[in-house]
Amino acid sequence: MANRLLLIVIMISMLIGVGTLRRGHEWGDDFAWYILQAKSILNGSTNEFIQTSTFTNNESSTYVGPLAYPWGYPLILTPAYVIKGINPLALKLPALIFYAGFLVCLYGLVKMRLSRMESLLFVCLFAFNPLLLIFLDQILSDIPFLFFSTLSLWLIMQYEKHSMLDYAALGFSIACAFFIRTSGILLLASFFTGELLTAWKDKANQGTIKKHALNILVVGGTFGLSWLLYALLLPGGGESYFAQYQDFQIGTALKFVSEYFRVFSRFFGEHKVWRNIYYALFAFFLVGLWKRKWEDLIFIVFFILWMILLITWPSWQGPRFIFPVMPIFIYFTFQGMKFVLGKLPEKHAPIGQWVFSGFWSVVTIIFLFNSAVNAYANLQNDRTINGPFDPYSKEVYKYIQDNTPADSIIVFFKPRVMRLMTDRNSLMSVECNRVLKGDYLVLSRKVGENQQIPPEEIDSCNLPLDQVFKNTRFIIYEIQK
């Protein structure tokens, strides 16, 4: 019965998820690099992609992004790219599939720690969560990583592992998470830490120590062999992430402590009522964490390591970067609430159970309603979105493809999108002199000073510009040389 209900929940979640997908994409251009990496895998031109990325990063006014994202997510996108090319709807479907897998892993993770009803409620909070379902509309690595991080935690936290194959599967799952995001290495660190602490607690037993040492060897060996194969087949570039740590500041990290504390409330909603509810739930989270500190030690280790990474990262990452630890937060909140309500006198115990079930059921119903409304509104709007795939943007790409030499350099506020759409080298400039590095300048008439010199200020640069195209949203200048 529970499995049937779980299947129904997942099917409803997928139906709403499909309804939230739009035909275009937002202007953030990380997605463009993922698609270009997928294209380079298909064409066998990964090294040429690194050269293109190096040009864009070195010639732009500021750091645009890593030379290459980890290649795991581009590999996931490759089949969709083969079938439909640069089609946003098709490229968003893999995340939908991985989200369904995440919900299955989530149920597996908690079903031995919560009752069946509680486990289903737990999954429903994520299956119908508006923040997560709306995020399915992004061509980004967050959802596939969420699947593999949750799968890895599930495999780590299995009460019984019957063979070394179970540990080998764990090592491979962690490797997959790492191939999608380098921060996946924290899963390996969490597993090693848990094994070492458990061995230390029973250090008088040599058999136990050998067993844990073998576990570490198998998981670490599987991870290492998987990484070696990955490194041999695909180029680097992801290591450029670490260069960002040169901008680390202790003041920024201290500010992020409070900001990331508050961002967890976004799981529930934007309204201040949800924030106040979150503050109350945080107390239950602390109680649950303390009550389960030994039984669920790996959860705590991973949560701490993940939050240290976010807090010390020099730039703000926002709600999407807490997705991997959000299940842990909700789980300990469940446990804390159950513990507190369980302290009621025996004659009031049924009331405590009704309060627990009633509260989370109401939250689930609100999530379901809001998500369904979002999907309905999107379908009524014919899945449209203003962004890099709208008609005005497509006019710009067509003009550049039809009227500029293939070796032209385009100055644009989203250079990675321009490269994806026109196959021209591109850079971003907020400085007058740097504009001269390009052959054509494309200015957005809507975004102001967002990574560009605004159109109304371009004349003050006294550059040799000849306007060659203009529509409602963009102006194209040829740079006279």
Protein backbone atom coordinates (compact mmCIF):
# COMPACT_ATOMS: atom_id res chain seq x y z
CA MET A 1 0.00 0.00 0.00
CA ALA A 2 2.79 2.44 0.94
CA ASN A 3 4.61 1.77 -2.32
CA ARG A 4 1.41 2.39 -4.25
CA LEU A 5 0.85 5.71 -2.49
CA LEU A 6 4.48 6.65 -3.12
CA LEU A 7 4.01 5.96 -6.83
CA ILE A 8 0.89 8.15 -6.89
CA VAL A 9 2.75 10.97 -5.12
CA ILE A 10 5.62 10.78 -7.60
CA MET A 11 3.26 10.73 -10.59
CA ILE A 12 1.44 13.84 -9.33
CA SER A 13 4.78 15.53 -8.72
CA MET A 14 5.94 14.73 -12.25
CA LEU A 15 2.66 15.97 -13.72
CA ILE A 16 3.05 19.31 -11.93
CA GLY A 17 6.74 19.38 -12.84
CA VAL A 18 5.96 19.00 -16.53
CA GLY A 19 3.46 21.83 -16.17
CA THR A 20 6.10 24.20 -14.76
CA LEU A 21 8.50 23.81 -17.70
CA ARG A 22 8.73 26.82 -20.04
CA ARG A 23 9.85 27.07 -23.65
CA GLY A 24 12.76 29.38 -22.90
CA HIS A 25 15.22 30.08 -20.13
CA GLU A 26 16.23 32.87 -17.80
CA TRP A 27 19.17 35.08 -18.78
CA GLY A 28 21.71 33.53 -16.46
CA ASP A 29 24.17 31.91 -18.86
CA ASP A 30 25.53 28.94 -16.88
CA PHE A 31 23.08 26.80 -18.84
CA ALA A 32 24.78 27.81 -22.11
CA TRP A 33 28.12 26.40 -20.99
CA TYR A 34 26.50 23.10 -19.94
CA ILE A 35 24.90 22.77 -23.37
CA LEU A 36 28.13 23.69 -25.15
CA GLN A 37 29.99 21.10 -23.11
CA ALA A 38 27.39 18.49 -24.09
CA LYS A 39 27.82 19.53 -27.72
CA SER A 40 31.61 19.25 -27.44
CA ILE A 41 31.29 15.71 -26.02
CA LEU A 42 29.11 14.73 -28.95
CA ASN A 43 31.47 16.33 -31.49
CA GLY A 44 34.67 15.14 -29.82
CA SER A 45 35.77 18.76 -29.43
CA THR A 46 36.17 19.04 -25.66
CA ASN A 47 39.68 20.50 -25.92
CA GLU A 48 38.44 23.14 -28.37
CA PHE A 49 35.69 23.99 -25.88
CA ILE A 50 38.32 24.65 -23.20
CA GLN A 51 40.12 27.01 -25.59
CA THR A 52 36.87 28.90 -26.24
CA SER A 53 36.14 29.13 -22.52
CA THR A 54 39.67 30.36 -21.81
CA PHE A 55 39.22 33.15 -24.36
CA THR A 56 35.89 34.27 -22.86
CA ASN A 57 37.25 34.28 -19.31
CA ASN A 58 40.58 35.94 -20.10
CA GLU A 59 39.16 38.67 -22.31
CA SER A 60 36.07 39.61 -20.28
CA SER A 61 36.03 42.39 -17.68
CA THR A 62 35.35 39.98 -14.82
CA TYR A 63 35.34 36.26 -14.11
CA VAL A 64 32.52 34.71 -16.15
CA GLY A 65 32.62 31.15 -14.83
CA PRO A 66 34.87 28.08 -14.58
CA LEU A 67 36.72 27.02 -17.71
CA ALA A 68 34.53 23.93 -17.62
CA TYR A 69 31.89 22.66 -15.26
CA PRO A 70 32.32 19.05 -14.16
CA TRP A 71 31.43 16.92 -17.18
CA GLY A 72 28.83 14.72 -15.49
CA TYR A 73 25.85 16.97 -16.15
CA PRO A 74 26.84 17.71 -19.77
CA LEU A 75 26.99 13.92 -20.26
CA ILE A 76 23.43 13.70 -18.91
CA LEU A 77 22.32 16.40 -21.37
CA THR A 78 23.98 14.77 -24.38
CA PRO A 79 21.13 12.35 -25.34
CA ALA A 80 18.57 15.19 -25.24
CA TYR A 81 20.91 17.35 -27.32
CA VAL A 82 21.33 14.55 -29.86
CA ILE A 83 17.56 14.22 -30.25
CA LYS A 84 16.42 17.86 -30.16
CA GLY A 85 19.52 20.11 -30.29
CA ILE A 86 19.27 23.44 -28.46
CA ASN A 87 15.70 22.89 -27.32
CA PRO A 88 15.06 24.16 -23.77
CA LEU A 89 12.05 21.94 -23.07
CA ALA A 90 13.89 18.78 -24.15
CA LEU A 91 17.02 19.74 -22.20
CA LYS A 92 14.95 20.21 -19.02
CA LEU A 93 13.46 16.70 -19.13
CA PRO A 94 16.52 14.88 -17.69
CA ALA A 95 16.18 16.90 -14.45
CA LEU A 96 12.53 15.81 -14.21
CA ILE A 97 13.58 12.15 -14.42
CA PHE A 98 16.29 12.63 -11.80
CA TYR A 99 13.79 14.37 -9.54
CA ALA A 100 11.56 11.31 -9.61
CA GLY A 101 14.63 9.23 -8.71
CA PHE A 102 15.42 11.64 -5.88
CA LEU A 103 11.95 11.13 -4.38
CA VAL A 104 12.44 7.34 -4.47
CA CYS A 105 15.82 7.68 -2.73
CA LEU A 106 14.30 10.03 -0.19
CA TYR A 107 11.70 7.46 0.78
CA GLY A 108 14.37 4.78 1.02
CA LEU A 109 16.46 7.06 3.21
CA VAL A 110 13.78 7.68 5.86
CA LYS A 111 11.49 4.63 5.75
CA MET A 112 13.60 2.77 8.36
CA ARG A 113 13.73 5.85 10.60
CA LEU A 114 10.14 7.07 10.40
CA SER A 115 6.76 5.34 10.25
CA ARG A 116 5.21 4.68 6.83
CA MET A 117 2.80 7.59 7.22
CA GLU A 118 5.59 9.92 8.35
CA SER A 119 7.82 8.75 5.50
CA LEU A 120 5.13 9.50 2.91
CA LEU A 121 4.48 12.93 4.46
CA PHE A 122 8.21 13.56 4.38
CA VAL A 123 8.41 12.71 0.65
CA CYS A 124 5.30 14.79 -0.11
CA LEU A 125 6.99 17.90 1.30
CA PHE A 126 9.61 17.57 -1.43
CA ALA A 127 7.38 16.15 -4.14
CA PHE A 128 5.06 19.17 -4.02
CA ASN A 129 7.49 21.86 -2.87
CA PRO A 130 7.05 25.01 -5.04
CA LEU A 131 10.69 26.09 -4.76
CA LEU A 132 12.00 22.75 -5.99
CA LEU A 133 9.37 22.19 -8.67
CA ILE A 134 9.87 25.66 -10.15
CA PHE A 135 13.60 24.97 -10.21
CA LEU A 136 13.00 22.09 -12.62
CA ASP A 137 12.69 24.84 -15.24
CA GLN A 138 16.45 25.47 -15.02
CA ILE A 139 19.05 23.73 -17.20
CA LEU A 140 21.46 23.40 -14.29
CA SER A 141 23.15 20.56 -12.43
CA ASP A 142 21.37 20.98 -9.09
CA ILE A 143 18.66 18.32 -9.49
CA PRO A 144 20.89 15.51 -10.86
CA PHE A 145 23.34 16.28 -8.05
CA LEU A 146 20.48 16.17 -5.54
CA PHE A 147 19.63 12.68 -6.80
CA PHE A 148 23.18 11.33 -6.46
CA SER A 149 23.87 13.03 -3.11
CA THR A 150 20.64 11.57 -1.66
CA LEU A 151 21.34 8.16 -3.20
CA SER A 152 24.83 8.21 -1.67
CA LEU A 153 23.48 9.15 1.77
CA TRP A 154 20.92 6.35 1.46
CA LEU A 155 23.65 3.84 0.62
CA ILE A 156 25.85 5.12 3.45
CA MET A 157 23.02 4.97 5.98
CA GLN A 158 21.80 1.47 5.06
CA TYR A 159 21.57 -0.48 8.29
CA GLU A 160 22.77 -3.67 6.62
CA LYS A 161 25.27 -3.96 3.78
CA HIS A 162 25.57 -7.55 2.66
CA SER A 163 28.73 -7.50 0.55
CA MET A 164 31.62 -5.47 -0.76
CA LEU A 165 29.47 -4.85 -3.85
CA ASP A 166 27.29 -2.58 -1.70
CA TYR A 167 30.36 -0.52 -0.80
CA ALA A 168 31.53 -0.51 -4.41
CA ALA A 169 28.08 0.82 -5.43
CA LEU A 170 28.46 3.54 -2.80
CA GLY A 171 31.88 4.51 -4.14
CA PHE A 172 30.50 4.76 -7.68
CA SER A 173 27.48 6.81 -6.54
CA ILE A 174 29.75 9.29 -4.76
CA ALA A 175 31.93 9.44 -7.89
CA CYS A 176 28.86 10.30 -9.99
CA ALA A 177 27.97 13.10 -7.57
CA PHE A 178 31.55 14.37 -7.83
CA PHE A 179 31.44 14.26 -11.64
CA ILE A 180 28.38 16.52 -11.51
CA ARG A 181 29.72 18.85 -8.84
CA THR A 182 33.17 18.91 -7.29
CA SER A 183 31.52 19.50 -3.89
CA GLY A 184 30.38 15.87 -4.12
CA ILE A 185 33.76 15.03 -2.59
CA LEU A 186 32.19 15.98 0.75
CA LEU A 187 30.13 12.79 0.57
CA LEU A 188 33.35 10.79 0.49
CA ALA A 189 34.75 12.82 3.38
CA SER A 190 31.53 12.23 5.35
CA PHE A 191 31.69 8.47 4.79
CA PHE A 192 35.37 8.29 5.78
CA THR A 193 34.69 10.39 8.90
CA GLY A 194 31.81 8.15 9.94
CA GLU A 195 33.84 4.97 9.47
CA LEU A 196 36.79 6.36 11.42
CA LEU A 197 34.62 7.58 14.31
CA THR A 198 32.81 4.24 14.51
CA ALA A 199 36.11 2.36 14.49
CA TRP A 200 37.47 4.67 17.21
CA LYS A 201 34.46 3.97 19.46
CA ASP A 202 35.22 0.23 19.23
CA LYS A 203 39.00 0.52 18.94
CA ALA A 204 39.63 -2.42 21.28
CA ASN A 205 38.07 -4.78 18.72
CA GLN A 206 40.65 -5.47 16.00
CA GLY A 207 38.08 -7.21 13.82
CA THR A 208 35.91 -4.10 13.77
CA ILE A 209 38.86 -1.88 12.89
CA LYS A 210 39.82 -4.16 9.99
CA LYS A 211 36.23 -4.20 8.75
CA HIS A 212 35.98 -0.41 8.67
CA ALA A 213 39.42 -0.14 7.07
CA LEU A 214 38.27 -2.53 4.31
CA ASN A 215 35.08 -0.50 3.83
CA ILE A 216 37.13 2.67 3.37
CA LEU A 217 39.45 0.87 0.97
CA VAL A 218 36.62 -0.46 -1.23
CA VAL A 219 34.68 2.83 -1.37
CA GLY A 220 37.83 4.91 -1.85
CA GLY A 221 39.20 2.48 -4.45
CA THR A 222 35.97 2.46 -6.47
CA PHE A 223 35.83 6.24 -6.34
CA GLY A 224 39.47 6.51 -7.36
CA LEU A 225 39.15 4.13 -10.32
CA SER A 226 35.99 5.92 -11.51
CA TRP A 227 37.76 9.28 -11.27
CA LEU A 228 40.79 7.94 -13.16
CA LEU A 229 38.60 6.79 -16.07
CA TYR A 230 36.78 10.14 -16.03
CA ALA A 231 40.05 12.09 -16.06
CA LEU A 232 41.44 10.04 -18.94
CA LEU A 233 38.38 10.54 -21.14
CA LEU A 234 37.55 14.19 -20.43
CA PRO A 235 39.64 17.35 -20.00
CA GLY A 236 39.92 19.39 -16.82
CA GLY A 237 38.79 22.94 -16.28
CA GLY A 238 36.72 22.46 -13.15
CA GLU A 239 39.81 23.11 -11.04
CA SER A 240 39.38 26.80 -11.94
CA TYR A 241 36.70 26.84 -9.22
CA PHE A 242 39.43 26.89 -6.59
CA ALA A 243 40.88 30.12 -7.98
CA GLN A 244 37.80 31.88 -6.60
CA TYR A 245 39.02 31.25 -3.06
CA GLN A 246 41.57 34.03 -3.52
CA ASP A 247 38.62 36.39 -2.94
CA PHE A 248 37.81 34.85 0.46
CA GLN A 249 37.15 37.37 3.22
CA ILE A 250 36.34 36.56 6.83
CA GLY A 251 33.77 39.38 6.93
CA THR A 252 31.90 37.90 3.98
CA ALA A 253 31.90 34.44 5.59
CA LEU A 254 30.49 35.84 8.85
CA LYS A 255 27.73 37.61 6.91
CA PHE A 256 26.92 34.38 5.07
CA VAL A 257 26.33 32.58 8.39
CA SER A 258 23.21 34.63 9.06
CA GLU A 259 22.14 34.73 5.41
CA TYR A 260 22.29 30.96 4.98
CA PHE A 261 20.48 30.54 8.28
CA ARG A 262 17.62 32.61 6.86
CA VAL A 263 17.65 31.06 3.39
CA PHE A 264 16.37 27.73 4.75
CA SER A 265 13.01 29.44 5.26
CA ARG A 266 12.69 29.73 1.46
CA PHE A 267 11.88 26.02 1.39
CA PHE A 268 8.53 26.91 2.95
CA GLY A 269 7.83 30.19 1.16
CA GLU A 270 8.67 33.87 0.79
CA HIS A 271 6.02 35.34 3.12
CA LYS A 272 7.09 36.47 6.60
CA VAL A 273 4.59 33.99 8.10
CA TRP A 274 6.66 31.15 6.65
CA ARG A 275 9.82 32.73 8.04
CA ASN A 276 8.32 32.79 11.52
CA ILE A 277 7.21 29.17 11.18
CA TYR A 278 10.74 28.27 10.08
CA TYR A 279 12.23 29.94 13.18
CA ALA A 280 9.95 27.83 15.37
CA LEU A 281 10.82 24.67 13.44
CA PHE A 282 14.53 25.39 13.83
CA ALA A 283 14.19 24.72 17.56
CA PHE A 284 12.78 21.28 16.75
CA PHE A 285 15.67 20.76 14.30
CA LEU A 286 18.17 21.33 17.11
CA VAL A 287 16.31 18.95 19.42
CA GLY A 288 16.18 16.26 16.72
CA LEU A 289 19.84 16.72 15.90
CA TRP A 290 20.80 16.25 19.56
CA LYS A 291 18.46 13.29 20.05
CA ARG A 292 19.77 11.44 16.97
CA LYS A 293 23.40 12.56 17.08
CA TRP A 294 24.83 9.05 17.22
CA GLU A 295 22.26 7.12 15.18
CA ASP A 296 22.47 9.62 12.28
CA LEU A 297 26.02 10.86 12.65
CA ILE A 298 26.71 10.86 8.89
CA PHE A 299 23.83 13.28 8.33
CA ILE A 300 25.37 15.68 10.82
CA VAL A 301 28.87 15.39 9.38
CA PHE A 302 27.67 16.00 5.82
CA PHE A 303 25.44 18.90 6.91
CA ILE A 304 28.33 20.61 8.73
CA LEU A 305 30.84 20.08 5.91
CA TRP A 306 28.35 21.34 3.32
CA MET A 307 27.50 24.48 5.28
CA ILE A 308 31.18 25.24 5.90
CA LEU A 309 31.75 25.07 2.14
CA LEU A 310 28.86 27.44 1.42
CA ILE A 311 29.80 29.91 4.13
CA THR A 312 33.45 30.10 3.10
CA TRP A 313 32.71 30.34 -0.63
CA PRO A 314 33.47 33.95 -1.66
CA SER A 315 30.20 34.52 -3.53
CA TRP A 316 26.56 34.10 -2.55
CA GLN A 317 25.02 30.94 -3.98
CA GLY A 318 21.39 31.26 -2.87
CA PRO A 319 18.68 28.71 -2.03
CA ARG A 320 19.58 26.16 -4.70
CA PHE A 321 22.84 25.34 -2.94
CA ILE A 322 21.05 24.17 0.20
CA PHE A 323 18.99 21.59 -1.71
CA PRO A 324 21.34 18.67 -0.82
CA VAL A 325 21.04 19.32 2.95
CA MET A 326 17.37 20.32 3.03
CA PRO A 327 16.23 16.68 3.52
CA ILE A 328 18.55 16.47 6.53
CA PHE A 329 17.09 19.65 8.01
CA ILE A 330 13.51 18.43 7.58
CA TYR A 331 14.40 14.95 8.89
CA PHE A 332 15.88 16.26 12.15
CA THR A 333 12.94 18.66 12.46
CA PHE A 334 10.60 15.66 12.19
CA GLN A 335 12.58 13.80 14.83
CA GLY A 336 12.70 16.80 17.17
CA MET A 337 8.97 17.43 16.90
CA LYS A 338 8.21 13.74 17.50
CA PHE A 339 10.46 13.73 20.57
CA VAL A 340 8.90 16.85 22.11
CA LEU A 341 5.32 15.76 21.45
CA GLY A 342 6.22 12.30 22.76
CA LYS A 343 6.87 13.89 26.16
CA LEU A 344 3.18 14.65 26.56
CA PRO A 345 1.38 12.60 29.24
CA GLU A 346 0.25 9.24 27.96
CA LYS A 347 -3.42 10.24 27.87
CA HIS A 348 -2.54 13.13 25.53
CA ALA A 349 -0.29 11.07 23.25
CA PRO A 350 -2.96 10.78 20.48
CA ILE A 351 -3.27 14.58 20.50
CA GLY A 352 0.48 14.89 19.96
CA GLN A 353 0.31 12.52 17.00
CA TRP A 354 -2.60 14.47 15.52
CA VAL A 355 -0.71 17.75 15.94
CA PHE A 356 2.33 16.29 14.17
CA SER A 357 0.40 14.73 11.32
CA GLY A 358 -2.00 17.66 11.01
CA PHE A 359 0.70 20.31 10.83
CA TRP A 360 2.75 18.58 8.14
CA SER A 361 -0.38 17.58 6.21
CA VAL A 362 -1.49 21.23 6.07
CA VAL A 363 1.97 22.30 4.88
CA THR A 364 1.86 19.57 2.21
CA ILE A 365 -1.59 20.66 1.00
CA ILE A 366 -0.46 24.29 0.77
CA PHE A 367 2.63 23.21 -1.19
CA LEU A 368 0.50 21.11 -3.53
CA PHE A 369 -1.99 23.93 -4.11
CA ASN A 370 0.69 26.57 -4.78
CA SER A 371 2.64 24.29 -7.11
CA ALA A 372 -0.48 23.35 -9.05
CA VAL A 373 -1.40 27.04 -9.41
CA ASN A 374 2.11 27.82 -10.70
CA ALA A 375 1.87 25.02 -13.27
CA TYR A 376 -1.62 26.09 -14.36
CA ALA A 377 -0.53 29.72 -14.79
CA ASN A 378 2.46 28.61 -16.84
CA LEU A 379 0.29 26.50 -19.15
CA GLN A 380 -2.20 29.35 -19.52
CA ASN A 381 0.76 31.52 -20.57
CA ASP A 382 1.68 28.90 -23.21
CA ARG A 383 4.96 28.18 -21.38
CA THR A 384 6.47 31.44 -22.65
CA ILE A 385 9.27 33.44 -21.03
CA ASN A 386 11.21 36.54 -22.02
CA GLY A 387 14.87 35.60 -22.19
CA PRO A 388 17.60 34.35 -24.52
CA PHE A 389 15.10 32.30 -26.54
CA ASP A 390 12.52 35.03 -27.19
CA PRO A 391 11.90 36.35 -30.75
CA TYR A 392 13.86 39.57 -30.18
CA SER A 393 16.95 37.65 -29.06
CA LYS A 394 16.63 35.24 -31.96
CA GLU A 395 16.64 38.19 -34.38
CA VAL A 396 20.02 39.22 -32.97
CA TYR A 397 21.50 35.73 -33.30
CA LYS A 398 20.23 35.45 -36.89
CA TYR A 399 21.69 38.81 -37.84
CA ILE A 400 25.08 37.87 -36.42
CA GLN A 401 25.09 34.45 -38.07
CA ASP A 402 24.06 35.87 -41.45
CA ASN A 403 26.05 39.10 -41.52
CA THR A 404 29.30 38.63 -39.60
CA PRO A 405 32.42 36.59 -40.40
CA ALA A 406 32.78 33.30 -38.53
CA ASP A 407 35.87 34.58 -36.71
CA SER A 408 34.12 37.72 -35.41
CA ILE A 409 34.30 38.57 -31.71
CA ILE A 410 31.01 39.71 -30.17
CA VAL A 411 30.86 41.90 -27.04
CA PHE A 412 27.71 40.98 -25.09
CA PHE A 413 26.53 41.00 -21.47
CA LYS A 414 26.00 37.21 -21.56
CA PRO A 415 28.96 36.01 -23.64
CA ARG A 416 28.35 32.31 -23.09
CA VAL A 417 24.81 32.58 -24.47
CA MET A 418 26.15 34.45 -27.50
CA ARG A 419 28.70 31.71 -28.12
CA LEU A 420 26.04 29.01 -27.86
CA MET A 421 23.59 30.74 -30.18
CA THR A 422 25.94 32.11 -32.86
CA ASP A 423 29.10 30.00 -32.67
CA ARG A 424 31.11 33.25 -32.39
CA ASN A 425 33.73 34.01 -29.76
CA SER A 426 32.30 36.44 -27.26
CA LEU A 427 33.36 38.50 -24.28
CA MET A 428 31.74 40.71 -21.66
CA SER A 429 32.88 44.30 -21.13
CA VAL A 430 31.94 47.07 -18.71
CA GLU A 431 34.93 49.18 -19.81
CA CYS A 432 35.06 51.42 -22.87
CA ASN A 433 38.57 50.37 -23.94
CA ARG A 434 37.83 46.66 -23.63
CA VAL A 435 34.97 46.98 -26.13
CA LEU A 436 37.62 47.52 -28.80
CA LYS A 437 38.71 43.88 -28.36
CA GLY A 438 35.53 42.90 -30.20
CA ASP A 439 34.29 43.31 -33.75
CA TYR A 440 30.62 43.82 -32.86
CA LEU A 441 28.94 45.21 -29.77
CA VAL A 442 25.45 44.03 -28.78
CA LEU A 443 23.71 46.06 -26.08
CA SER A 444 20.53 45.10 -24.27
CA ARG A 445 18.07 47.95 -23.98
CA LYS A 446 16.45 46.39 -20.90
CA VAL A 447 19.15 45.38 -18.40
CA GLY A 448 20.94 48.68 -17.71
CA GLU A 449 24.40 48.24 -16.16
CA ASN A 450 24.13 44.48 -15.83
CA GLN A 451 27.54 43.39 -17.20
CA GLN A 452 27.47 45.97 -19.98
CA ILE A 453 27.79 49.67 -20.70
CA PRO A 454 24.16 50.91 -20.87
CA PRO A 455 23.02 52.06 -24.35
CA GLU A 456 22.36 55.59 -23.09
CA GLU A 457 25.98 55.87 -21.90
CA ILE A 458 27.79 54.27 -24.83
CA ASP A 459 28.27 57.61 -26.63
CA SER A 460 30.40 58.91 -23.75
CA CYS A 461 32.98 56.20 -24.58
CA ASN A 462 33.73 57.93 -27.91
CA LEU A 463 34.14 54.59 -29.65
CA PRO A 464 34.12 54.13 -33.45
CA LEU A 465 30.70 52.48 -33.58
CA ASP A 466 28.34 52.07 -36.51
CA GLN A 467 24.80 50.98 -35.66
CA VAL A 468 23.80 48.12 -37.96
CA PHE A 469 20.72 46.63 -36.26
CA LYS A 470 18.07 47.61 -33.73
CA ASN A 471 14.89 46.06 -32.37
CA THR A 472 12.75 46.48 -29.25
CA ARG A 473 15.34 44.90 -26.96
CA PHE A 474 18.77 45.15 -28.58
CA ILE A 475 21.13 47.35 -30.56
CA ILE A 476 24.03 45.95 -32.61
CA TYR A 477 27.03 48.11 -33.46
CA GLU A 478 29.90 47.25 -35.78
CA ILE A 479 33.17 48.39 -34.27
CA GLN A 480 35.11 50.32 -36.89
CA LYS A 481 38.81 49.45 -36.97
